[in-house]
Amino acid sequence: MLFHSIFAICVESFSLYPFCWDYSDKVSRWVAYPLDKSYLGNVKKYDGWRYDPLVPAAKQPFLPHGYMEGNRGSYDRGLQLPNSHRSASGDLIETTFYSTNMVPLYKVNGEGVWAQLEKRIRSWAENSDTLYVISGCVTKGAECFVYDSNKRMVTVPVAIYKAVLRYKKDSANNNGGYMGIAFWYDYKDTAESFSRKESMSIAELEKRLGYQLFVNLPAVTGETVAQQIKNENPGRVSWWWLN
């Protein structure tokens, strides 16, 4: 598997994707998942909420009605793995509504640039063999919080990010068919439109996070090629912006 396992509390959920649950902040530091055409369909949105079976219910936020306002306003109940990326079946969509997949999301991001990025990732998947996606949040230095329905505090992250590793067997590039792109959005960022100027290399995102992503990639491509993939500037790669 090409995802990273950097924290101690990392588990594979019933929904076939790993996540790293932070018991203190009550959010997943990251959710990682594969995405290809087999996961995409037209199943209607599942309008429910439930606990993740792999984490004790008492250690998860109770969110049947979303988050309650905290010390600095209200936030939407965002999904790190969006339901549109698991729309092939009702069972798959259902698992995106586990509380371990939810994070307090600034409304402008959730309805603007973040939603546009998720739509673009779906398009990339339709033109690839496989995408490996890591969707995460950063809580270090956070000062804002919201409440769940039981009045327990949930940390509002200071930033959200996505890293995407694309694989296409017959790709014309010299990196074994792999290419990568990453995005970082501060919660103070109110950008409403998705653009290439917000993209960065996976290596740049790793520098900001302070840990490595896709740690098994060198075993697949070799260390030199893996570093080439991670350091490539996606803003200069036309494929990302034409698909």
C-alpha atoms as a PDB file:
ATOM      1  CA  MET A   1       0.000   0.000   0.000  1.00  0.00           C
ATOM      2  CA  LEU A   2       1.385   3.410  -0.966  1.00  0.00           C
ATOM      3  CA  PHE A   3      -0.036   5.385   1.944  1.00  0.00           C
ATOM      4  CA  HIS A   4       1.936   6.485   4.983  1.00  0.00           C
ATOM      5  CA  SER A   5       1.597   5.190   8.543  1.00  0.00           C
ATOM      6  CA  ILE A   6       3.306   7.826  10.652  1.00  0.00           C
ATOM      7  CA  PHE A   7       1.231   8.050  13.828  1.00  0.00           C
ATOM      8  CA  ALA A   8       0.575   5.445  16.470  1.00  0.00           C
ATOM      9  CA  ILE A   9      -3.207   5.349  16.232  1.00  0.00           C
ATOM     10  CA  CYS A  10      -3.714   4.348  12.606  1.00  0.00           C
ATOM     11  CA  VAL A  11      -6.328   1.799  11.612  1.00  0.00           C
ATOM     12  CA  GLU A  12      -7.952   0.302   8.534  1.00  0.00           C
ATOM     13  CA  SER A  13     -11.673   1.036   8.627  1.00  0.00           C
ATOM     14  CA  PHE A  14     -14.548  -1.148   7.463  1.00  0.00           C
ATOM     15  CA  SER A  15     -14.788   1.167   4.456  1.00  0.00           C
ATOM     16  CA  LEU A  16     -11.464  -0.073   3.058  1.00  0.00           C
ATOM     17  CA  TYR A  17      -9.451   3.059   3.776  1.00  0.00           C
ATOM     18  CA  PRO A  18      -6.953   3.777   6.570  1.00  0.00           C
ATOM     19  CA  PHE A  19      -7.176   6.799   8.843  1.00  0.00           C
ATOM     20  CA  CYS A  20      -5.262   8.260  11.779  1.00  0.00           C
ATOM     21  CA  TRP A  21      -7.565   9.144  14.652  1.00  0.00           C
ATOM     22  CA  ASP A  22      -6.547  11.804  17.163  1.00  0.00           C
ATOM     23  CA  TYR A  23      -8.288  11.032  20.437  1.00  0.00           C
ATOM     24  CA  SER A  24      -7.518  14.480  21.889  1.00  0.00           C
ATOM     25  CA  ASP A  25      -8.661  16.663  19.004  1.00  0.00           C
ATOM     26  CA  LYS A  26     -11.412  14.227  17.942  1.00  0.00           C
ATOM     27  CA  VAL A  27     -10.566  14.458  14.235  1.00  0.00           C
ATOM     28  CA  SER A  28      -8.595  12.241  11.898  1.00  0.00           C
ATOM     29  CA  ARG A  29      -5.199  13.733  11.165  1.00  0.00           C
ATOM     30  CA  TRP A  30      -5.498  12.093   7.785  1.00  0.00           C
ATOM     31  CA  VAL A  31      -7.705   9.771   5.774  1.00  0.00           C
ATOM     32  CA  ALA A  32      -6.128   7.876   2.873  1.00  0.00           C
ATOM     33  CA  TYR A  33      -7.921   6.058   0.089  1.00  0.00           C
ATOM     34  CA  PRO A  34      -7.520   4.612  -3.400  1.00  0.00           C
ATOM     35  CA  LEU A  35      -9.737   5.988  -6.122  1.00  0.00           C
ATOM     36  CA  ASP A  36     -10.501   4.562  -9.556  1.00  0.00           C
ATOM     37  CA  LYS A  37     -13.534   4.122 -11.788  1.00  0.00           C
ATOM     38  CA  SER A  38     -14.786   1.165  -9.757  1.00  0.00           C
ATOM     39  CA  TYR A  39     -15.537   3.483  -6.821  1.00  0.00           C
ATOM     40  CA  LEU A  40     -17.475   5.983  -8.916  1.00  0.00           C
ATOM     41  CA  GLY A  41     -21.159   5.752  -9.747  1.00  0.00           C
ATOM     42  CA  ASN A  42     -24.484   7.492  -9.418  1.00  0.00           C
ATOM     43  CA  VAL A  43     -25.813   6.215  -6.110  1.00  0.00           C
ATOM     44  CA  LYS A  44     -27.769   8.894  -4.310  1.00  0.00           C
ATOM     45  CA  LYS A  45     -26.165  10.579  -1.333  1.00  0.00           C
ATOM     46  CA  TYR A  46     -26.552   8.731   1.956  1.00  0.00           C
ATOM     47  CA  ASP A  47     -28.092  11.153   4.422  1.00  0.00           C
ATOM     48  CA  GLY A  48     -27.044   9.613   7.709  1.00  0.00           C
ATOM     49  CA  TRP A  49     -24.410   9.612  10.391  1.00  0.00           C
ATOM     50  CA  ARG A  50     -22.850   6.905  12.501  1.00  0.00           C
ATOM     51  CA  TYR A  51     -19.901   5.944  14.678  1.00  0.00           C
ATOM     52  CA  ASP A  52     -16.934   4.177  13.132  1.00  0.00           C
ATOM     53  CA  PRO A  53     -17.029   0.541  14.331  1.00  0.00           C
ATOM     54  CA  LEU A  54     -13.247   0.481  14.829  1.00  0.00           C
ATOM     55  CA  VAL A  55     -13.055   3.313  17.374  1.00  0.00           C
ATOM     56  CA  PRO A  56     -14.837   3.195  20.764  1.00  0.00           C
ATOM     57  CA  ALA A  57     -18.009   5.261  20.473  1.00  0.00           C
ATOM     58  CA  ALA A  58     -17.156   7.177  23.644  1.00  0.00           C
ATOM     59  CA  LYS A  59     -13.975   8.382  21.961  1.00  0.00           C
ATOM     60  CA  GLN A  60     -15.763   9.787  18.895  1.00  0.00           C
ATOM     61  CA  PRO A  61     -17.800  12.984  18.587  1.00  0.00           C
ATOM     62  CA  PHE A  62     -21.569  12.591  18.565  1.00  0.00           C
ATOM     63  CA  LEU A  63     -22.620  14.383  15.368  1.00  0.00           C
ATOM     64  CA  PRO A  64     -26.160  13.508  14.263  1.00  0.00           C
ATOM     65  CA  HIS A  65     -26.885  17.203  13.694  1.00  0.00           C
ATOM     66  CA  GLY A  66     -23.392  18.427  12.920  1.00  0.00           C
ATOM     67  CA  TYR A  67     -21.193  20.620  15.081  1.00  0.00           C
ATOM     68  CA  MET A  68     -22.485  23.107  17.635  1.00  0.00           C
ATOM     69  CA  GLU A  69     -20.991  26.591  17.691  1.00  0.00           C
ATOM     70  CA  GLY A  70     -17.775  26.910  19.691  1.00  0.00           C
ATOM     71  CA  ASN A  71     -15.543  29.787  20.717  1.00  0.00           C
ATOM     72  CA  ARG A  72     -15.303  31.407  17.255  1.00  0.00           C
ATOM     73  CA  GLY A  73     -18.404  30.730  15.255  1.00  0.00           C
ATOM     74  CA  SER A  74     -19.852  27.664  13.593  1.00  0.00           C
ATOM     75  CA  TYR A  75     -18.405  25.180  11.115  1.00  0.00           C
ATOM     76  CA  ASP A  76     -19.871  22.675   8.712  1.00  0.00           C
ATOM     77  CA  ARG A  77     -19.519  18.916   9.062  1.00  0.00           C
ATOM     78  CA  GLY A  78     -17.013  18.217   6.291  1.00  0.00           C
ATOM     79  CA  LEU A  79     -15.980  14.825   4.952  1.00  0.00           C
ATOM     80  CA  GLN A  80     -12.305  14.134   4.360  1.00  0.00           C
ATOM     81  CA  LEU A  81     -13.218  11.314   1.990  1.00  0.00           C
ATOM     82  CA  PRO A  82     -16.172  12.809   0.079  1.00  0.00           C
ATOM     83  CA  ASN A  83     -19.197  10.649  -0.628  1.00  0.00           C
ATOM     84  CA  SER A  84     -18.815  11.391  -4.350  1.00  0.00           C
ATOM     85  CA  HIS A  85     -15.575   9.378  -4.267  1.00  0.00           C
ATOM     86  CA  ARG A  86     -17.492   6.328  -3.017  1.00  0.00           C
ATOM     87  CA  SER A  87     -20.652   6.646  -5.099  1.00  0.00           C
ATOM     88  CA  ALA A  88     -20.553   3.174  -6.671  1.00  0.00           C
ATOM     89  CA  SER A  89     -22.705   1.667  -3.929  1.00  0.00           C
ATOM     90  CA  GLY A  90     -24.796   2.560  -0.923  1.00  0.00           C
ATOM     91  CA  ASP A  91     -22.536   0.536   1.367  1.00  0.00           C
ATOM     92  CA  LEU A  92     -19.489   2.524   0.287  1.00  0.00           C
ATOM     93  CA  ILE A  93     -21.212   5.888   0.642  1.00  0.00           C
ATOM     94  CA  GLU A  94     -22.479   4.953   4.076  1.00  0.00           C
ATOM     95  CA  THR A  95     -18.963   4.537   5.433  1.00  0.00           C
ATOM     96  CA  THR A  96     -17.975   8.076   4.438  1.00  0.00           C
ATOM     97  CA  PHE A  97     -20.415   9.279   7.091  1.00  0.00           C
ATOM     98  CA  TYR A  98     -18.459   7.770   9.983  1.00  0.00           C
ATOM     99  CA  SER A  99     -17.508  10.421  12.516  1.00  0.00           C
ATOM    100  CA  THR A 100     -13.843   9.505  12.005  1.00  0.00           C
ATOM    101  CA  ASN A 101     -14.149  10.882   8.464  1.00  0.00           C
ATOM    102  CA  MET A 102     -15.611  14.199   9.598  1.00  0.00           C
ATOM    103  CA  VAL A 103     -13.843  17.453  10.349  1.00  0.00           C
ATOM    104  CA  PRO A 104     -15.075  20.966  11.176  1.00  0.00           C
ATOM    105  CA  LEU A 105     -14.905  22.718   7.813  1.00  0.00           C
ATOM    106  CA  TYR A 106     -15.033  26.428   7.139  1.00  0.00           C
ATOM    107  CA  LYS A 107     -18.128  27.030   5.021  1.00  0.00           C
ATOM    108  CA  VAL A 108     -16.363  29.029   2.289  1.00  0.00           C
ATOM    109  CA  ASN A 109     -13.816  26.252   1.787  1.00  0.00           C
ATOM    110  CA  GLY A 110     -16.404  23.479   1.872  1.00  0.00           C
ATOM    111  CA  GLU A 111     -18.659  25.062  -0.740  1.00  0.00           C
ATOM    112  CA  GLY A 112     -15.898  26.663  -2.797  1.00  0.00           C
ATOM    113  CA  VAL A 113     -12.347  25.669  -3.533  1.00  0.00           C
ATOM    114  CA  TRP A 114     -12.406  22.406  -1.506  1.00  0.00           C
ATOM    115  CA  ALA A 115     -15.487  21.159  -3.334  1.00  0.00           C
ATOM    116  CA  GLN A 116     -13.963  22.143  -6.664  1.00  0.00           C
ATOM    117  CA  LEU A 117     -10.774  20.237  -5.831  1.00  0.00           C
ATOM    118  CA  GLU A 118     -12.761  17.118  -4.945  1.00  0.00           C
ATOM    119  CA  LYS A 119     -14.606  17.351  -8.256  1.00  0.00           C
ATOM    120  CA  ARG A 120     -11.304  17.665 -10.105  1.00  0.00           C
ATOM    121  CA  ILE A 121      -9.880  14.625  -8.279  1.00  0.00           C
ATOM    122  CA  ARG A 122     -12.866  12.588  -9.429  1.00  0.00           C
ATOM    123  CA  SER A 123     -12.145  13.685 -12.998  1.00  0.00           C
ATOM    124  CA  TRP A 124      -8.498  12.696 -12.625  1.00  0.00           C
ATOM    125  CA  ALA A 125      -9.570   9.253 -11.404  1.00  0.00           C
ATOM    126  CA  GLU A 126     -11.696   8.733 -14.493  1.00  0.00           C
ATOM    127  CA  ASN A 127      -8.577   9.307 -16.615  1.00  0.00           C
ATOM    128  CA  SER A 128      -6.173   7.159 -14.596  1.00  0.00           C
ATOM    129  CA  ASP A 129      -5.641   3.569 -13.580  1.00  0.00           C
ATOM    130  CA  THR A 130      -5.549   4.505  -9.885  1.00  0.00           C
ATOM    131  CA  LEU A 131      -5.251   7.575  -7.704  1.00  0.00           C
ATOM    132  CA  TYR A 132      -3.886   7.344  -4.169  1.00  0.00           C
ATOM    133  CA  VAL A 133      -5.317  10.210  -2.138  1.00  0.00           C
ATOM    134  CA  ILE A 134      -4.388  11.493   1.302  1.00  0.00           C
ATOM    135  CA  SER A 135      -6.785  14.047   2.766  1.00  0.00           C
ATOM    136  CA  GLY A 136      -5.751  15.545   6.069  1.00  0.00           C
ATOM    137  CA  CYS A 137      -5.933  18.409   8.507  1.00  0.00           C
ATOM    138  CA  VAL A 138      -3.450  20.231  10.724  1.00  0.00           C
ATOM    139  CA  THR A 139      -4.336  20.998  14.343  1.00  0.00           C
ATOM    140  CA  LYS A 140      -0.988  22.205  15.695  1.00  0.00           C
ATOM    141  CA  GLY A 141      -1.451  25.725  16.993  1.00  0.00           C
ATOM    142  CA  ALA A 142      -5.246  25.544  16.762  1.00  0.00           C
ATOM    143  CA  GLU A 143      -7.189  27.966  18.955  1.00  0.00           C
ATOM    144  CA  CYS A 144     -10.725  27.376  17.717  1.00  0.00           C
ATOM    145  CA  PHE A 145     -13.078  24.625  18.762  1.00  0.00           C
ATOM    146  CA  VAL A 146     -16.661  23.498  18.293  1.00  0.00           C
ATOM    147  CA  TYR A 147     -18.848  21.105  20.281  1.00  0.00           C
ATOM    148  CA  ASP A 148     -20.510  17.840  19.430  1.00  0.00           C
ATOM    149  CA  SER A 149     -24.100  17.163  20.499  1.00  0.00           C
ATOM    150  CA  ASN A 150     -22.855  15.992  23.903  1.00  0.00           C
ATOM    151  CA  LYS A 151     -21.010  19.295  24.451  1.00  0.00           C
ATOM    152  CA  ARG A 152     -17.572  17.715  24.007  1.00  0.00           C
ATOM    153  CA  MET A 153     -14.939  19.898  22.398  1.00  0.00           C
ATOM    154  CA  VAL A 154     -13.700  19.156  18.875  1.00  0.00           C
ATOM    155  CA  THR A 155     -10.651  21.010  17.581  1.00  0.00           C
ATOM    156  CA  VAL A 156     -11.046  23.177  14.492  1.00  0.00           C
ATOM    157  CA  PRO A 157      -7.939  22.631  12.328  1.00  0.00           C
ATOM    158  CA  VAL A 158      -5.762  25.506  11.166  1.00  0.00           C
ATOM    159  CA  ALA A 159      -5.348  23.989   7.689  1.00  0.00           C
ATOM    160  CA  ILE A 160      -6.551  21.204   5.411  1.00  0.00           C
ATOM    161  CA  TYR A 161      -4.592  19.470   2.677  1.00  0.00           C
ATOM    162  CA  LYS A 162      -4.736  16.845  -0.041  1.00  0.00           C
ATOM    163  CA  ALA A 163      -1.961  14.864  -1.707  1.00  0.00           C
ATOM    164  CA  VAL A 164      -2.650  12.861  -4.861  1.00  0.00           C
ATOM    165  CA  LEU A 165      -0.426  10.228  -6.415  1.00  0.00           C
ATOM    166  CA  ARG A 166      -1.557   9.249  -9.895  1.00  0.00           C
ATOM    167  CA  TYR A 167      -0.701   5.974 -11.627  1.00  0.00           C
ATOM    168  CA  LYS A 168      -1.285   5.302 -15.312  1.00  0.00           C
ATOM    169  CA  LYS A 169       0.475   2.250 -16.735  1.00  0.00           C
ATOM    170  CA  ASP A 170       0.781   3.575 -20.273  1.00  0.00           C
ATOM    171  CA  SER A 171       1.787   7.076 -19.232  1.00  0.00           C
ATOM    172  CA  ALA A 172       4.422   8.717 -21.386  1.00  0.00           C
ATOM    173  CA  ASN A 173       6.380  10.109 -18.438  1.00  0.00           C
ATOM    174  CA  ASN A 174       9.680   8.678 -17.210  1.00  0.00           C
ATOM    175  CA  ASN A 175       8.585   8.073 -13.632  1.00  0.00           C
ATOM    176  CA  GLY A 176       7.164   4.572 -13.912  1.00  0.00           C
ATOM    177  CA  GLY A 177       3.700   5.886 -14.691  1.00  0.00           C
ATOM    178  CA  TYR A 178       3.460   7.936 -11.465  1.00  0.00           C
ATOM    179  CA  MET A 179       2.981  11.658 -10.939  1.00  0.00           C
ATOM    180  CA  GLY A 180       1.991  13.701  -7.908  1.00  0.00           C
ATOM    181  CA  ILE A 181       0.267  16.890  -6.829  1.00  0.00           C
ATOM    182  CA  ALA A 182      -0.614  18.469  -3.480  1.00  0.00           C
ATOM    183  CA  PHE A 183      -2.705  21.313  -2.068  1.00  0.00           C
ATOM    184  CA  TRP A 184      -2.753  23.159   1.245  1.00  0.00           C
ATOM    185  CA  TYR A 185      -5.473  25.568   2.384  1.00  0.00           C
ATOM    186  CA  ASP A 186      -5.339  27.644   5.539  1.00  0.00           C
ATOM    187  CA  TYR A 187      -8.684  28.001   7.269  1.00  0.00           C
ATOM    188  CA  LYS A 188      -8.288  31.755   6.941  1.00  0.00           C
ATOM    189  CA  ASP A 189      -8.048  31.366   3.177  1.00  0.00           C
ATOM    190  CA  THR A 190     -11.380  32.337   1.657  1.00  0.00           C
ATOM    191  CA  ALA A 191     -10.492  31.517  -1.953  1.00  0.00           C
ATOM    192  CA  GLU A 192     -13.571  30.413  -3.831  1.00  0.00           C
ATOM    193  CA  SER A 193     -12.010  29.215  -7.068  1.00  0.00           C
ATOM    194  CA  PHE A 194      -9.642  26.341  -7.745  1.00  0.00           C
ATOM    195  CA  SER A 195      -6.445  27.229  -9.663  1.00  0.00           C
ATOM    196  CA  ARG A 196      -3.000  25.831 -10.390  1.00  0.00           C
ATOM    197  CA  LYS A 197      -1.258  28.564  -8.387  1.00  0.00           C
ATOM    198  CA  GLU A 198      -2.482  26.823  -5.210  1.00  0.00           C
ATOM    199  CA  SER A 199      -0.823  23.526  -6.164  1.00  0.00           C
ATOM    200  CA  MET A 200       2.533  22.367  -4.828  1.00  0.00           C
ATOM    201  CA  SER A 201       4.799  19.368  -5.004  1.00  0.00           C
ATOM    202  CA  ILE A 202       4.320  16.494  -2.588  1.00  0.00           C
ATOM    203  CA  ALA A 203       7.805  17.260  -1.250  1.00  0.00           C
ATOM    204  CA  GLU A 204       6.731  20.824  -0.397  1.00  0.00           C
ATOM    205  CA  LEU A 205       3.663  19.536   1.419  1.00  0.00           C
ATOM    206  CA  GLU A 206       5.827  17.063   3.345  1.00  0.00           C
ATOM    207  CA  LYS A 207       8.058  19.939   4.413  1.00  0.00           C
ATOM    208  CA  ARG A 208       5.079  21.822   5.790  1.00  0.00           C
ATOM    209  CA  LEU A 209       3.700  18.759   7.572  1.00  0.00           C
ATOM    210  CA  GLY A 210       7.002  17.554   8.967  1.00  0.00           C
ATOM    211  CA  TYR A 211       6.493  13.930   7.923  1.00  0.00           C
ATOM    212  CA  GLN A 212       6.652  11.775   4.818  1.00  0.00           C
ATOM    213  CA  LEU A 213       3.785  10.733   2.567  1.00  0.00           C
ATOM    214  CA  PHE A 214       3.551   7.651   0.345  1.00  0.00           C
ATOM    215  CA  VAL A 215       6.449   6.056   2.194  1.00  0.00           C
ATOM    216  CA  ASN A 216       6.279   2.824   0.178  1.00  0.00           C
ATOM    217  CA  LEU A 217       6.703   4.571  -3.161  1.00  0.00           C
ATOM    218  CA  PRO A 218      10.520   4.063  -3.277  1.00  0.00           C
ATOM    219  CA  ALA A 219      10.000   0.303  -2.999  1.00  0.00           C
ATOM    220  CA  VAL A 220       7.915   0.470  -6.186  1.00  0.00           C
ATOM    221  CA  THR A 221       9.880   2.949  -8.284  1.00  0.00           C
ATOM    222  CA  GLY A 222      13.283   3.163  -6.614  1.00  0.00           C
ATOM    223  CA  GLU A 223      14.480   6.015  -4.387  1.00  0.00           C
ATOM    224  CA  THR A 224      15.699   8.294  -7.180  1.00  0.00           C
ATOM    225  CA  VAL A 225      12.487   8.110  -9.200  1.00  0.00           C
ATOM    226  CA  ALA A 226      10.366   8.456  -6.063  1.00  0.00           C
ATOM    227  CA  GLN A 227      12.129  11.716  -5.226  1.00  0.00           C
ATOM    228  CA  GLN A 228      11.624  12.938  -8.783  1.00  0.00           C
ATOM    229  CA  ILE A 229       7.903  12.258  -8.484  1.00  0.00           C
ATOM    230  CA  LYS A 230       7.645  14.014  -5.124  1.00  0.00           C
ATOM    231  CA  ASN A 231       9.665  17.051  -6.183  1.00  0.00           C
ATOM    232  CA  GLU A 232       7.986  17.615  -9.542  1.00  0.00           C
ATOM    233  CA  ASN A 233       6.224  20.982  -9.802  1.00  0.00           C
ATOM    234  CA  PRO A 234       2.624  20.094 -10.799  1.00  0.00           C
ATOM    235  CA  GLY A 235       1.992  23.635 -11.953  1.00  0.00           C
ATOM    236  CA  ARG A 236       4.209  22.882 -14.927  1.00  0.00           C
ATOM    237  CA  VAL A 237       2.531  19.583 -15.802  1.00  0.00           C
ATOM    238  CA  SER A 238      -0.309  20.283 -18.206  1.00  0.00           C
ATOM    239  CA  TRP A 239      -2.117  16.968 -17.602  1.00  0.00           C
ATOM    240  CA  TRP A 240      -3.418  18.087 -14.194  1.00  0.00           C
ATOM    241  CA  TRP A 241      -5.104  21.124 -15.715  1.00  0.00           C
ATOM    242  CA  LEU A 242      -6.534  19.528 -18.865  1.00  0.00           C
ATOM    243  CA  ASN A 243      -8.373  16.641 -17.134  1.00  0.00           C
END
